[in-house]
C-alpha atoms as a PDB file:
ATOM      1  CA  MET A   1       6.105 -14.497  10.494  1.00  0.00           C
ATOM      2  CA  ILE A   2       6.262 -11.029   8.926  1.00  0.00           C
ATOM      3  CA  SER A   3       7.809 -10.823   5.460  1.00  0.00           C
ATOM      4  CA  TRP A   4       9.531  -7.891   3.827  1.00  0.00           C
ATOM      5  CA  GLY A   5       7.899  -5.973   0.987  1.00  0.00           C
ATOM      6  CA  ASP A   6      10.183  -3.305  -0.455  1.00  0.00           C
ATOM      7  CA  ARG A   7       9.227  -0.244  -2.514  1.00  0.00           C
ATOM      8  CA  ILE A   8      10.547   0.750  -5.925  1.00  0.00           C
ATOM      9  CA  GLN A   9      12.677   3.852  -5.548  1.00  0.00           C
ATOM     10  CA  ASP A  10      12.416   6.940  -7.762  1.00  0.00           C
ATOM     11  CA  THR A  11      15.505   5.885  -9.667  1.00  0.00           C
ATOM     12  CA  GLY A  12      14.654   7.453 -13.016  1.00  0.00           C
ATOM     13  CA  THR A  13      16.229   4.855 -15.313  1.00  0.00           C
ATOM     14  CA  SER A  14      15.096   1.456 -16.525  1.00  0.00           C
ATOM     15  CA  SER A  15      18.428  -0.150 -15.661  1.00  0.00           C
ATOM     16  CA  ALA A  16      18.190   1.143 -12.091  1.00  0.00           C
ATOM     17  CA  VAL A  17      14.690  -0.278 -11.668  1.00  0.00           C
ATOM     18  CA  ARG A  18      15.875  -3.676 -12.904  1.00  0.00           C
ATOM     19  CA  ALA A  19      18.922  -3.558 -10.623  1.00  0.00           C
ATOM     20  CA  HIS A  20      16.805  -2.641  -7.599  1.00  0.00           C
ATOM     21  CA  ALA A  21      14.378  -5.475  -8.302  1.00  0.00           C
ATOM     22  CA  ARG A  22      17.206  -7.995  -8.654  1.00  0.00           C
ATOM     23  CA  SER A  23      18.810  -6.818  -5.415  1.00  0.00           C
ATOM     24  CA  CYS A  24      15.494  -7.236  -3.568  1.00  0.00           C
ATOM     25  CA  GLU A  25      15.108 -10.777  -4.865  1.00  0.00           C
ATOM     26  CA  GLU A  26      18.716 -11.676  -4.022  1.00  0.00           C
ATOM     27  CA  ALA A  27      18.260 -10.303  -0.482  1.00  0.00           C
ATOM     28  CA  GLY A  28      15.355 -12.682   0.082  1.00  0.00           C
ATOM     29  CA  MET A  29      12.631 -10.063   0.157  1.00  0.00           C
ATOM     30  CA  ALA A  30       9.112 -11.276  -0.525  1.00  0.00           C
ATOM     31  CA  ALA A  31       7.673  -8.467  -2.616  1.00  0.00           C
ATOM     32  CA  LEU A  32       8.271  -5.214  -4.427  1.00  0.00           C
ATOM     33  CA  TRP A  33       5.589  -2.532  -4.613  1.00  0.00           C
ATOM     34  CA  SER A  34       5.355   0.434  -6.976  1.00  0.00           C
ATOM     35  CA  SER A  35       3.498   3.539  -5.805  1.00  0.00           C
ATOM     36  CA  GLU A  36       1.635   6.226  -7.713  1.00  0.00           C
ATOM     37  CA  ALA A  37       2.982   9.603  -6.674  1.00  0.00           C
ATOM     38  CA  ALA A  38       5.395  11.235  -9.095  1.00  0.00           C
ATOM     39  CA  ARG A  39       5.202   8.372 -11.614  1.00  0.00           C
ATOM     40  CA  ASP A  40       2.940   5.754 -13.138  1.00  0.00           C
ATOM     41  CA  PRO A  41       2.702   2.758 -10.771  1.00  0.00           C
ATOM     42  CA  PHE A  42       2.473   0.066 -13.451  1.00  0.00           C
ATOM     43  CA  LEU A  43       5.349   0.754 -15.858  1.00  0.00           C
ATOM     44  CA  PRO A  44       8.244   0.036 -13.435  1.00  0.00           C
ATOM     45  CA  LEU A  45       6.722  -3.368 -12.656  1.00  0.00           C
ATOM     46  CA  ALA A  46       7.106  -4.482 -16.272  1.00  0.00           C
ATOM     47  CA  LEU A  47      10.840  -3.838 -15.910  1.00  0.00           C
ATOM     48  CA  ALA A  48      10.961  -5.574 -12.531  1.00  0.00           C
ATOM     49  CA  ALA A  49       9.091  -8.584 -13.929  1.00  0.00           C
ATOM     50  CA  ASP A  50      11.703  -8.981 -16.649  1.00  0.00           C
ATOM     51  CA  ALA A  51      14.564  -8.798 -14.144  1.00  0.00           C
ATOM     52  CA  THR A  52      13.265 -11.293 -11.539  1.00  0.00           C
ATOM     53  CA  THR A  53      11.833 -14.792 -11.291  1.00  0.00           C
ATOM     54  CA  SER A  54      10.274 -15.181  -7.832  1.00  0.00           C
ATOM     55  CA  LEU A  55       9.724 -11.701  -6.355  1.00  0.00           C
ATOM     56  CA  LEU A  56       6.049 -10.763  -5.939  1.00  0.00           C
ATOM     57  CA  LEU A  57       5.229  -7.498  -7.716  1.00  0.00           C
ATOM     58  CA  GLY A  58       2.386  -5.086  -7.073  1.00  0.00           C
ATOM     59  CA  THR A  59       1.032  -1.574  -7.177  1.00  0.00           C
ATOM     60  CA  GLY A  60       1.064   0.067  -3.815  1.00  0.00           C
ATOM     61  CA  ILE A  61      -1.135   1.741  -4.828  1.00  0.00           C
ATOM     62  CA  ALA A  62      -2.725   2.716  -8.161  1.00  0.00           C
ATOM     63  CA  VAL A  63      -5.477   5.345  -8.054  1.00  0.00           C
ATOM     64  CA  ALA A  64      -8.575   3.488  -9.181  1.00  0.00           C
ATOM     65  CA  TYR A  65     -10.723   6.446 -10.197  1.00  0.00           C
ATOM     66  CA  GLY A  66      -7.997   7.806 -12.466  1.00  0.00           C
ATOM     67  CA  ARG A  67      -8.687   4.818 -14.757  1.00  0.00           C
ATOM     68  CA  THR A  68     -11.741   2.857 -15.853  1.00  0.00           C
ATOM     69  CA  PRO A  69     -12.077  -0.679 -14.484  1.00  0.00           C
ATOM     70  CA  TYR A  70     -11.485  -2.025 -17.994  1.00  0.00           C
ATOM     71  CA  ALA A  71      -8.217  -0.094 -18.389  1.00  0.00           C
ATOM     72  CA  THR A  72      -7.012  -1.266 -14.967  1.00  0.00           C
ATOM     73  CA  ALA A  73      -8.042  -4.859 -15.703  1.00  0.00           C
ATOM     74  CA  GLN A  74      -6.149  -4.809 -18.996  1.00  0.00           C
ATOM     75  CA  THR A  75      -2.908  -3.503 -17.480  1.00  0.00           C
ATOM     76  CA  ALA A  76      -3.153  -5.956 -14.588  1.00  0.00           C
ATOM     77  CA  TRP A  77      -3.709  -8.815 -17.045  1.00  0.00           C
ATOM     78  CA  ASP A  78      -0.587  -7.910 -19.009  1.00  0.00           C
ATOM     79  CA  LEU A  79       1.534  -7.610 -15.869  1.00  0.00           C
ATOM     80  CA  GLN A  80       0.232 -10.936 -14.574  1.00  0.00           C
ATOM     81  CA  ARG A  81       1.380 -12.522 -17.837  1.00  0.00           C
ATOM     82  CA  LEU A  82       4.732 -10.694 -17.935  1.00  0.00           C
ATOM     83  CA  SER A  83       5.492 -11.629 -14.324  1.00  0.00           C
ATOM     84  CA  ARG A  84       4.369 -15.231 -14.802  1.00  0.00           C
ATOM     85  CA  GLY A  85       1.718 -15.015 -12.112  1.00  0.00           C
ATOM     86  CA  ARG A  86       3.477 -12.766  -9.593  1.00  0.00           C
ATOM     87  CA  PHE A  87       1.411  -9.585  -9.902  1.00  0.00           C
ATOM     88  CA  ARG A  88      -0.794  -8.072  -7.172  1.00  0.00           C
ATOM     89  CA  LEU A  89      -3.152  -5.234  -8.056  1.00  0.00           C
ATOM     90  CA  GLY A  90      -3.195  -2.679  -5.258  1.00  0.00           C
ATOM     91  CA  ILE A  91      -5.760   0.107  -5.631  1.00  0.00           C
ATOM     92  CA  ALA A  92      -7.300   2.964  -3.676  1.00  0.00           C
ATOM     93  CA  THR A  93      -9.869   5.707  -4.177  1.00  0.00           C
ATOM     94  CA  GLN A  94      -7.550   8.636  -3.313  1.00  0.00           C
ATOM     95  CA  VAL A  95      -9.353  11.637  -1.831  1.00  0.00           C
ATOM     96  CA  ARG A  96     -11.983  13.642  -3.656  1.00  0.00           C
ATOM     97  CA  ALA A  97      -9.873  16.761  -4.233  1.00  0.00           C
ATOM     98  CA  HIS A  98      -7.142  14.786  -6.010  1.00  0.00           C
ATOM     99  CA  VAL A  99      -9.587  12.795  -8.131  1.00  0.00           C
ATOM    100  CA  GLU A 100     -11.414  15.913  -9.281  1.00  0.00           C
ATOM    101  CA  ARG A 101      -8.607  18.473  -9.457  1.00  0.00           C
ATOM    102  CA  ARG A 102      -5.491  16.398 -10.220  1.00  0.00           C
ATOM    103  CA  TYR A 103      -6.908  13.523 -12.272  1.00  0.00           C
ATOM    104  CA  GLY A 104      -9.646  15.705 -13.702  1.00  0.00           C
ATOM    105  CA  THR A 105     -12.437  13.162 -13.407  1.00  0.00           C
ATOM    106  CA  ASP A 106     -15.593  12.726 -11.362  1.00  0.00           C
ATOM    107  CA  TRP A 107     -15.604  11.649  -7.737  1.00  0.00           C
ATOM    108  CA  LEU A 108     -18.047   8.745  -7.573  1.00  0.00           C
ATOM    109  CA  GLY A 109     -17.821   7.835  -3.912  1.00  0.00           C
ATOM    110  CA  GLY A 110     -15.949   5.785  -1.366  1.00  0.00           C
ATOM    111  CA  ALA A 111     -15.924   2.132  -0.373  1.00  0.00           C
ATOM    112  CA  HIS A 112     -19.253   1.198  -1.974  1.00  0.00           C
ATOM    113  CA  VAL A 113     -18.085   2.405  -5.399  1.00  0.00           C
ATOM    114  CA  LEU A 114     -14.657   0.806  -5.076  1.00  0.00           C
ATOM    115  CA  ARG A 115     -16.365  -2.533  -4.330  1.00  0.00           C
ATOM    116  CA  GLU A 116     -18.173  -2.314  -7.677  1.00  0.00           C
ATOM    117  CA  TYR A 117     -14.923  -1.269  -9.379  1.00  0.00           C
ATOM    118  CA  VAL A 118     -13.278  -4.498  -8.198  1.00  0.00           C
ATOM    119  CA  GLN A 119     -16.296  -6.539  -9.267  1.00  0.00           C
ATOM    120  CA  CYS A 120     -16.146  -5.013 -12.741  1.00  0.00           C
ATOM    121  CA  CYS A 121     -12.413  -5.777 -13.059  1.00  0.00           C
ATOM    122  CA  ARG A 122     -13.099  -9.387 -12.123  1.00  0.00           C
ATOM    123  CA  ALA A 123     -15.943  -9.587 -14.655  1.00  0.00           C
ATOM    124  CA  VAL A 124     -13.496  -8.507 -17.358  1.00  0.00           C
ATOM    125  CA  TRP A 125     -10.943 -11.087 -16.245  1.00  0.00           C
ATOM    126  CA  ASP A 126     -13.571 -13.818 -16.111  1.00  0.00           C
ATOM    127  CA  SER A 127     -14.642 -13.025 -19.670  1.00  0.00           C
ATOM    128  CA  TRP A 128     -11.068 -13.219 -20.925  1.00  0.00           C
ATOM    129  CA  GLN A 129     -10.146 -16.334 -18.991  1.00  0.00           C
ATOM    130  CA  ASN A 130     -13.334 -18.371 -19.327  1.00  0.00           C
ATOM    131  CA  GLY A 131     -15.103 -16.908 -22.336  1.00  0.00           C
ATOM    132  CA  THR A 132     -18.132 -15.763 -20.338  1.00  0.00           C
ATOM    133  CA  LEU A 133     -20.336 -13.140 -21.959  1.00  0.00           C
ATOM    134  CA  PRO A 134     -19.744  -9.548 -20.794  1.00  0.00           C
ATOM    135  CA  ARG A 135     -22.860  -8.855 -18.758  1.00  0.00           C
ATOM    136  CA  PHE A 136     -21.667  -6.660 -15.911  1.00  0.00           C
ATOM    137  CA  GLU A 137     -23.985  -3.712 -15.336  1.00  0.00           C
ATOM    138  CA  GLY A 138     -23.524  -1.919 -12.053  1.00  0.00           C
ATOM    139  CA  GLN A 139     -24.635   1.431 -10.750  1.00  0.00           C
ATOM    140  CA  TRP A 140     -21.400   3.145 -11.748  1.00  0.00           C
ATOM    141  CA  PHE A 141     -19.537   0.796 -14.104  1.00  0.00           C
ATOM    142  CA  ARG A 142     -20.443  -1.360 -17.090  1.00  0.00           C
ATOM    143  CA  PHE A 143     -18.779  -4.101 -19.154  1.00  0.00           C
ATOM    144  CA  THR A 144     -21.212  -5.422 -21.771  1.00  0.00           C
ATOM    145  CA  LEU A 145     -19.287  -5.447 -25.047  1.00  0.00           C
ATOM    146  CA  THR A 146     -16.352  -7.416 -26.425  1.00  0.00           C
ATOM    147  CA  ASN A 147     -15.330  -9.436 -29.473  1.00  0.00           C
ATOM    148  CA  PRO A 148     -12.498 -11.863 -30.299  1.00  0.00           C
ATOM    149  CA  GLU A 149     -10.228  -9.068 -31.515  1.00  0.00           C
ATOM    150  CA  PHE A 150     -10.242  -7.438 -28.090  1.00  0.00           C
ATOM    151  CA  ARG A 151     -10.004 -10.620 -26.016  1.00  0.00           C
ATOM    152  CA  PRO A 152      -6.445 -11.530 -24.947  1.00  0.00           C
ATOM    153  CA  ALA A 153      -5.287 -15.110 -24.614  1.00  0.00           C
ATOM    154  CA  ALA A 154      -6.171 -16.846 -21.365  1.00  0.00           C
ATOM    155  CA  LEU A 155      -3.560 -16.820 -18.616  1.00  0.00           C
ATOM    156  CA  PRO A 156      -1.676 -20.076 -17.979  1.00  0.00           C
ATOM    157  CA  ALA A 157      -3.158 -22.512 -15.477  1.00  0.00           C
ATOM    158  CA  GLY A 158      -2.249 -21.467 -11.944  1.00  0.00           C
ATOM    159  CA  ASN A 159      -1.812 -17.808 -12.901  1.00  0.00           C
ATOM    160  CA  GLU A 160      -5.411 -16.960 -13.652  1.00  0.00           C
ATOM    161  CA  HIS A 161      -6.179 -15.409 -10.248  1.00  0.00           C
ATOM    162  CA  ILE A 162      -5.000 -11.795  -9.979  1.00  0.00           C
ATOM    163  CA  PRO A 163      -4.969 -10.820  -6.298  1.00  0.00           C
ATOM    164  CA  VAL A 164      -6.546  -7.466  -5.454  1.00  0.00           C
ATOM    165  CA  TRP A 165      -5.205  -5.448  -2.529  1.00  0.00           C
ATOM    166  CA  ILE A 166      -7.150  -2.418  -1.309  1.00  0.00           C
ATOM    167  CA  ALA A 167      -5.789   0.558   0.632  1.00  0.00           C
ATOM    168  CA  ALA A 168      -7.848   1.500   3.670  1.00  0.00           C
ATOM    169  CA  VAL A 169      -7.522   4.176   6.328  1.00  0.00           C
ATOM    170  CA  GLY A 170     -10.996   4.019   7.840  1.00  0.00           C
ATOM    171  CA  ALA A 171     -13.335   1.254   8.931  1.00  0.00           C
ATOM    172  CA  ASP A 172     -15.728   1.406   5.960  1.00  0.00           C
ATOM    173  CA  THR A 173     -13.069   0.741   3.319  1.00  0.00           C
ATOM    174  CA  ALA A 174     -11.322  -1.817   5.518  1.00  0.00           C
ATOM    175  CA  SER A 175     -14.612  -3.696   5.943  1.00  0.00           C
ATOM    176  CA  MET A 176     -15.168  -3.676   2.197  1.00  0.00           C
ATOM    177  CA  ALA A 177     -11.608  -4.883   1.640  1.00  0.00           C
ATOM    178  CA  GLY A 178     -12.214  -7.765   3.999  1.00  0.00           C
ATOM    179  CA  GLU A 179     -15.310  -8.613   2.009  1.00  0.00           C
ATOM    180  CA  VAL A 180     -13.874  -8.585  -1.534  1.00  0.00           C
ATOM    181  CA  ALA A 181     -10.075  -8.194  -1.495  1.00  0.00           C
ATOM    182  CA  ASP A 182      -7.133 -10.554  -1.129  1.00  0.00           C
ATOM    183  CA  GLY A 183      -5.031  -8.118   0.865  1.00  0.00           C
ATOM    184  CA  LEU A 184      -4.968  -4.763   2.607  1.00  0.00           C
ATOM    185  CA  HIS A 185      -2.642  -1.791   2.148  1.00  0.00           C
ATOM    186  CA  VAL A 186      -2.196   0.052   5.442  1.00  0.00           C
ATOM    187  CA  HIS A 187      -1.086   3.678   5.399  1.00  0.00           C
ATOM    188  CA  ALA A 188       2.245   4.520   7.023  1.00  0.00           C
ATOM    189  CA  PHE A 189       0.506   6.965   9.372  1.00  0.00           C
ATOM    190  CA  HIS A 190      -0.908   4.572  11.948  1.00  0.00           C
ATOM    191  CA  THR A 191      -0.434   3.142  15.409  1.00  0.00           C
ATOM    192  CA  GLU A 192      -0.707  -0.507  16.296  1.00  0.00           C
ATOM    193  CA  GLY A 193      -3.757   0.298  18.409  1.00  0.00           C
ATOM    194  CA  TYR A 194      -5.564   1.915  15.492  1.00  0.00           C
ATOM    195  CA  LEU A 195      -4.662  -1.025  13.233  1.00  0.00           C
ATOM    196  CA  ARG A 196      -5.970  -3.557  15.734  1.00  0.00           C
ATOM    197  CA  ASP A 197      -9.065  -1.727  16.976  1.00  0.00           C
ATOM    198  CA  VAL A 198     -10.280  -0.082  13.771  1.00  0.00           C
ATOM    199  CA  VAL A 199      -8.739  -1.227  10.472  1.00  0.00           C
ATOM    200  CA  LEU A 200      -8.223  -4.944  11.031  1.00  0.00           C
ATOM    201  CA  ALA A 201     -11.315  -5.338  13.193  1.00  0.00           C
ATOM    202  CA  ALA A 202     -13.377  -3.905  10.340  1.00  0.00           C
ATOM    203  CA  ALA A 203     -11.634  -6.150   7.797  1.00  0.00           C
ATOM    204  CA  VAL A 204     -12.503  -9.197   9.890  1.00  0.00           C
ATOM    205  CA  ARG A 205     -16.142  -8.105  10.039  1.00  0.00           C
ATOM    206  CA  GLY A 206     -16.154  -7.784   6.254  1.00  0.00           C
ATOM    207  CA  ARG A 207     -14.724 -11.251   5.803  1.00  0.00           C
ATOM    208  CA  GLU A 208     -17.279 -12.727   8.182  1.00  0.00           C
ATOM    209  CA  ARG A 209     -20.094 -10.955   6.359  1.00  0.00           C
ATOM    210  CA  ALA A 210     -18.885 -12.438   3.058  1.00  0.00           C
ATOM    211  CA  GLY A 211     -18.453 -15.907   4.561  1.00  0.00           C
ATOM    212  CA  ARG A 212     -14.690 -15.821   4.187  1.00  0.00           C
ATOM    213  CA  GLY A 213     -12.601 -17.357   6.955  1.00  0.00           C
ATOM    214  CA  GLY A 214      -9.263 -16.357   8.400  1.00  0.00           C
ATOM    215  CA  CYS A 215      -7.373 -13.100   8.646  1.00  0.00           C
ATOM    216  CA  ILE A 216      -6.637 -10.814   5.724  1.00  0.00           C
ATOM    217  CA  GLU A 217      -3.071 -10.223   4.581  1.00  0.00           C
ATOM    218  CA  ALA A 218      -1.859  -6.691   5.278  1.00  0.00           C
ATOM    219  CA  THR A 219       1.194  -4.715   4.192  1.00  0.00           C
ATOM    220  CA  SER A 220       2.496  -1.294   5.190  1.00  0.00           C
ATOM    221  CA  PRO A 221       5.524   0.972   4.893  1.00  0.00           C
ATOM    222  CA  VAL A 222       6.148   1.573   8.582  1.00  0.00           C
ATOM    223  CA  MET A 223       7.630   4.653  10.233  1.00  0.00           C
ATOM    224  CA  ALA A 224      10.786   2.963  11.424  1.00  0.00           C
ATOM    225  CA  GLY A 225      14.470   3.317  10.702  1.00  0.00           C
ATOM    226  CA  VAL A 226      17.940   1.899  11.144  1.00  0.00           C
ATOM    227  CA  VAL A 227      20.214   4.039  13.339  1.00  0.00           C
ATOM    228  CA  HIS A 228      23.608   3.378  14.893  1.00  0.00           C
ATOM    229  CA  ASP A 229      24.112   6.359  17.215  1.00  0.00           C
ATOM    230  CA  SER A 230      22.341   9.292  18.846  1.00  0.00           C
ATOM    231  CA  ARG A 231      23.181  11.676  15.987  1.00  0.00           C
ATOM    232  CA  GLN A 232      21.499   9.457  13.399  1.00  0.00           C
ATOM    233  CA  GLU A 233      18.544   8.929  15.713  1.00  0.00           C
ATOM    234  CA  SER A 234      18.094  12.678  16.160  1.00  0.00           C
ATOM    235  CA  ILE A 235      18.181  13.254  12.404  1.00  0.00           C
ATOM    236  CA  LEU A 236      15.585  10.576  11.676  1.00  0.00           C
ATOM    237  CA  ARG A 237      13.338  11.691  14.518  1.00  0.00           C
ATOM    238  CA  ASP A 238      13.233  15.168  13.005  1.00  0.00           C
ATOM    239  CA  ARG A 239      12.494  13.809   9.538  1.00  0.00           C
ATOM    240  CA  PHE A 240       9.654  11.659  10.839  1.00  0.00           C
ATOM    241  CA  ARG A 241       8.459  14.633  12.900  1.00  0.00           C
ATOM    242  CA  THR A 242       7.941  16.481   9.606  1.00  0.00           C
ATOM    243  CA  HIS A 243       6.062  13.542   8.056  1.00  0.00           C
ATOM    244  CA  ILE A 244       3.835  13.186  11.108  1.00  0.00           C
ATOM    245  CA  ALA A 245       3.076  16.922  11.127  1.00  0.00           C
ATOM    246  CA  PHE A 246       1.929  16.767   7.512  1.00  0.00           C
ATOM    247  CA  TYR A 247      -0.319  13.738   7.961  1.00  0.00           C
ATOM    248  CA  ALA A 248      -1.666  14.971  11.276  1.00  0.00           C
ATOM    249  CA  SER A 249      -2.784  18.194   9.579  1.00  0.00           C
ATOM    250  CA  THR A 250      -4.785  16.306   6.933  1.00  0.00           C
ATOM    251  CA  PRO A 251      -8.519  15.742   7.630  1.00  0.00           C
ATOM    252  CA  ALA A 252      -8.457  12.226   6.138  1.00  0.00           C
ATOM    253  CA  TYR A 253      -6.148  11.074   8.959  1.00  0.00           C
ATOM    254  CA  ALA A 254      -7.766  12.956  11.857  1.00  0.00           C
ATOM    255  CA  LYS A 255      -9.600   9.758  12.864  1.00  0.00           C
ATOM    256  CA  ILE A 256      -6.252   8.153  13.731  1.00  0.00           C
ATOM    257  CA  LEU A 257      -5.384  11.029  16.039  1.00  0.00           C
ATOM    258  CA  GLU A 258      -8.841  10.855  17.613  1.00  0.00           C
ATOM    259  CA  HIS A 259      -8.291   7.183  18.402  1.00  0.00           C
ATOM    260  CA  GLU A 260      -5.023   8.101  20.129  1.00  0.00           C
ATOM    261  CA  GLY A 261      -6.508  11.054  22.039  1.00  0.00           C
ATOM    262  CA  LEU A 262      -4.563  13.538  19.917  1.00  0.00           C
ATOM    263  CA  ARG A 263      -7.359  15.397  18.134  1.00  0.00           C
ATOM    264  CA  ASP A 264      -6.017  18.694  19.525  1.00  0.00           C
ATOM    265  CA  LEU A 265      -2.863  18.179  17.453  1.00  0.00           C
ATOM    266  CA  HIS A 266      -4.876  18.071  14.229  1.00  0.00           C
ATOM    267  CA  ASP A 267      -6.833  21.160  15.267  1.00  0.00           C
ATOM    268  CA  ALA A 268      -3.577  23.044  15.882  1.00  0.00           C
ATOM    269  CA  LEU A 269      -1.873  21.929  12.675  1.00  0.00           C
ATOM    270  CA  ARG A 270      -4.777  22.325  10.258  1.00  0.00           C
ATOM    271  CA  PRO A 271      -4.766  26.161  10.161  1.00  0.00           C
ATOM    272  CA  LEU A 272      -0.992  26.181   9.566  1.00  0.00           C
ATOM    273  CA  ALA A 273      -1.362  23.763   6.653  1.00  0.00           C
ATOM    274  CA  ARG A 274      -4.095  25.900   5.109  1.00  0.00           C
ATOM    275  CA  GLU A 275      -1.774  28.890   5.261  1.00  0.00           C
ATOM    276  CA  ARG A 276       1.117  26.779   3.907  1.00  0.00           C
ATOM    277  CA  ARG A 277       3.208  27.487   6.978  1.00  0.00           C
ATOM    278  CA  TRP A 278       4.879  24.092   6.609  1.00  0.00           C
ATOM    279  CA  ASP A 279       8.106  25.018   8.417  1.00  0.00           C
ATOM    280  CA  GLU A 280       6.235  25.864  11.618  1.00  0.00           C
ATOM    281  CA  MET A 281       4.294  22.607  11.808  1.00  0.00           C
ATOM    282  CA  PRO A 282       6.919  20.075  13.028  1.00  0.00           C
ATOM    283  CA  ALA A 283       7.524  22.036  16.233  1.00  0.00           C
ATOM    284  CA  LEU A 284       3.991  21.141  17.368  1.00  0.00           C
ATOM    285  CA  VAL A 285       4.761  17.403  17.265  1.00  0.00           C
ATOM    286  CA  ASP A 286       6.350  16.466  20.589  1.00  0.00           C
ATOM    287  CA  ASP A 287       8.602  13.487  21.297  1.00  0.00           C
ATOM    288  CA  SER A 288       5.874  11.475  23.005  1.00  0.00           C
ATOM    289  CA  THR A 289       3.794  11.655  19.828  1.00  0.00           C
ATOM    290  CA  ILE A 290       6.752  10.534  17.731  1.00  0.00           C
ATOM    291  CA  ASP A 291       7.207   7.556  20.027  1.00  0.00           C
ATOM    292  CA  ARG A 292       3.636   6.420  19.265  1.00  0.00           C
ATOM    293  CA  PHE A 293       4.333   6.264  15.534  1.00  0.00           C
ATOM    294  CA  VAL A 294       8.084   5.709  15.078  1.00  0.00           C
ATOM    295  CA  VAL A 295      10.578   2.956  15.953  1.00  0.00           C
ATOM    296  CA  LEU A 296      14.334   3.610  15.562  1.00  0.00           C
ATOM    297  CA  ASP A 297      17.127   1.187  16.459  1.00  0.00           C
ATOM    298  CA  GLU A 298      20.070  -0.884  15.234  1.00  0.00           C
ATOM    299  CA  PRO A 299      19.133  -3.580  12.673  1.00  0.00           C
ATOM    300  CA  GLN A 300      18.784  -6.620  14.931  1.00  0.00           C
ATOM    301  CA  ALA A 301      17.024  -4.729  17.731  1.00  0.00           C
ATOM    302  CA  LEU A 302      14.794  -2.971  15.212  1.00  0.00           C
ATOM    303  CA  ALA A 303      13.725  -6.299  13.719  1.00  0.00           C
ATOM    304  CA  HIS A 304      12.783  -7.583  17.183  1.00  0.00           C
ATOM    305  CA  ARG A 305      10.826  -4.439  18.046  1.00  0.00           C
ATOM    306  CA  LEU A 306       8.952  -4.505  14.731  1.00  0.00           C
ATOM    307  CA  ARG A 307       8.026  -8.166  15.249  1.00  0.00           C
ATOM    308  CA  VAL A 308       6.667  -7.342  18.700  1.00  0.00           C
ATOM    309  CA  LYS A 309       4.792  -4.276  17.447  1.00  0.00           C
ATOM    310  CA  TYR A 310       3.195  -5.853  14.364  1.00  0.00           C
ATOM    311  CA  ASP A 311       2.836  -9.539  15.201  1.00  0.00           C
ATOM    312  CA  GLY A 312      -0.737 -10.500  14.375  1.00  0.00           C
ATOM    313  CA  LEU A 313      -1.365  -7.167  12.617  1.00  0.00           C
ATOM    314  CA  LEU A 314       0.800  -7.018   9.495  1.00  0.00           C
ATOM    315  CA  THR A 315       1.931  -9.911   7.331  1.00  0.00           C
ATOM    316  CA  GLU A 316       4.405  -7.758   5.391  1.00  0.00           C
ATOM    317  CA  LEU A 317       6.224  -4.460   5.921  1.00  0.00           C
ATOM    318  CA  CYS A 318       9.046  -2.225   4.758  1.00  0.00           C
ATOM    319  CA  LEU A 319      10.662   0.987   5.967  1.00  0.00           C
ATOM    320  CA  TYR A 320       8.910   4.247   5.127  1.00  0.00           C
ATOM    321  CA  ARG A 321      10.924   6.771   3.080  1.00  0.00           C
ATOM    322  CA  ASP A 322      13.799   8.013   5.280  1.00  0.00           C
ATOM    323  CA  GLY A 323      13.972   4.827   7.332  1.00  0.00           C
ATOM    324  CA  ALA A 324      16.888   3.421   5.314  1.00  0.00           C
ATOM    325  CA  THR A 325      18.924   6.655   5.240  1.00  0.00           C
ATOM    326  CA  PHE A 326      21.674   5.249   7.454  1.00  0.00           C
ATOM    327  CA  ALA A 327      21.249   1.575   6.532  1.00  0.00           C
ATOM    328  CA  SER A 328      23.890  -0.263   4.540  1.00  0.00           C
ATOM    329  CA  ALA A 329      23.103  -3.288   2.407  1.00  0.00           C
ATOM    330  CA  ASP A 330      24.372  -5.461   5.277  1.00  0.00           C
ATOM    331  CA  ASP A 331      22.113  -3.603   7.721  1.00  0.00           C
ATOM    332  CA  LEU A 332      19.049  -4.282   5.581  1.00  0.00           C
ATOM    333  CA  ALA A 333      20.011  -7.925   5.153  1.00  0.00           C
ATOM    334  CA  GLU A 334      20.340  -8.244   8.944  1.00  0.00           C
ATOM    335  CA  LEU A 335      16.992  -6.515   9.395  1.00  0.00           C
ATOM    336  CA  VAL A 336      15.233  -8.824   6.921  1.00  0.00           C
ATOM    337  CA  GLU A 337      16.833 -11.903   8.510  1.00  0.00           C
ATOM    338  CA  GLY A 338      15.852 -10.740  11.984  1.00  0.00           C
ATOM    339  CA  LEU A 339      12.314 -10.044  10.866  1.00  0.00           C
ATOM    340  CA  HIS A 340      11.984 -13.603   9.590  1.00  0.00           C
ATOM    341  CA  ALA A 341      13.448 -15.151  12.748  1.00  0.00           C
ATOM    342  CA  ASN A 342      11.212 -17.322  14.900  1.00  0.00           C
END
């Protein structure tokens, strides 16, 4: 069964965040994720924790290298306590340009550094929960000093494990996530073939290497939408065409196009993106390419098609950005119910 994990909207007010969280819980959704784009990913979750009792809450994602492991561990600890054990820490490296030029810090590396980042966070949590001495000394991160004044109270029994979810686009990070993480964040720009053949296959190899059995949980905002007529379908196709053009022009996602035999699309779009000719880019994305990435339909049919597409690949999903443009509350409830159907 695939569950529904919604995303906190850019509502702008604390009351709106609380209301959105309550509505997700009342609709029977499994989780609510907060992303780091135009806002801090952690702060809205404190509001959502106060407004709900059973909804899982997580960052989807927080940029790891914009914070030290200790700072991330501390915020996660507080949110785990505030949510009474419902928090999931989702993290990612981001790309080098953003780490260096937007966050203004050093780029340390990819999957191998993020593995140590997670290990350092867990060393901090272990010290706080079990009183172990701070003796973590890695190649990039260190936690070797504490005292009673800086040690928070232990988390209640049953809440002491803070799940870590790692975002992965390529095989190296997915393999590392399988090795050390509890779950996997999948980027919206994907095909089911790329998920199966590259991302999840690598995650399974990582789990086997670490001696961990079973499949890894995976969540993604998927390029899908609720439509009721041809006009709405045309509008959403054009909106997703723009999203696909942007991602297809970005070098970090070229490997997905290569897997699908669409490398020429990246090569055509990349020069336009460099010249900031954004308005010209969507015209290069044809309908057959959209059909590889996007699913549009009425709520019940959409739920069935998403189950078929992602069965055995994702354990949780939600609609990406514009996917709910034409969806009423009843439409979303029907979609969630259909997604959970046997």
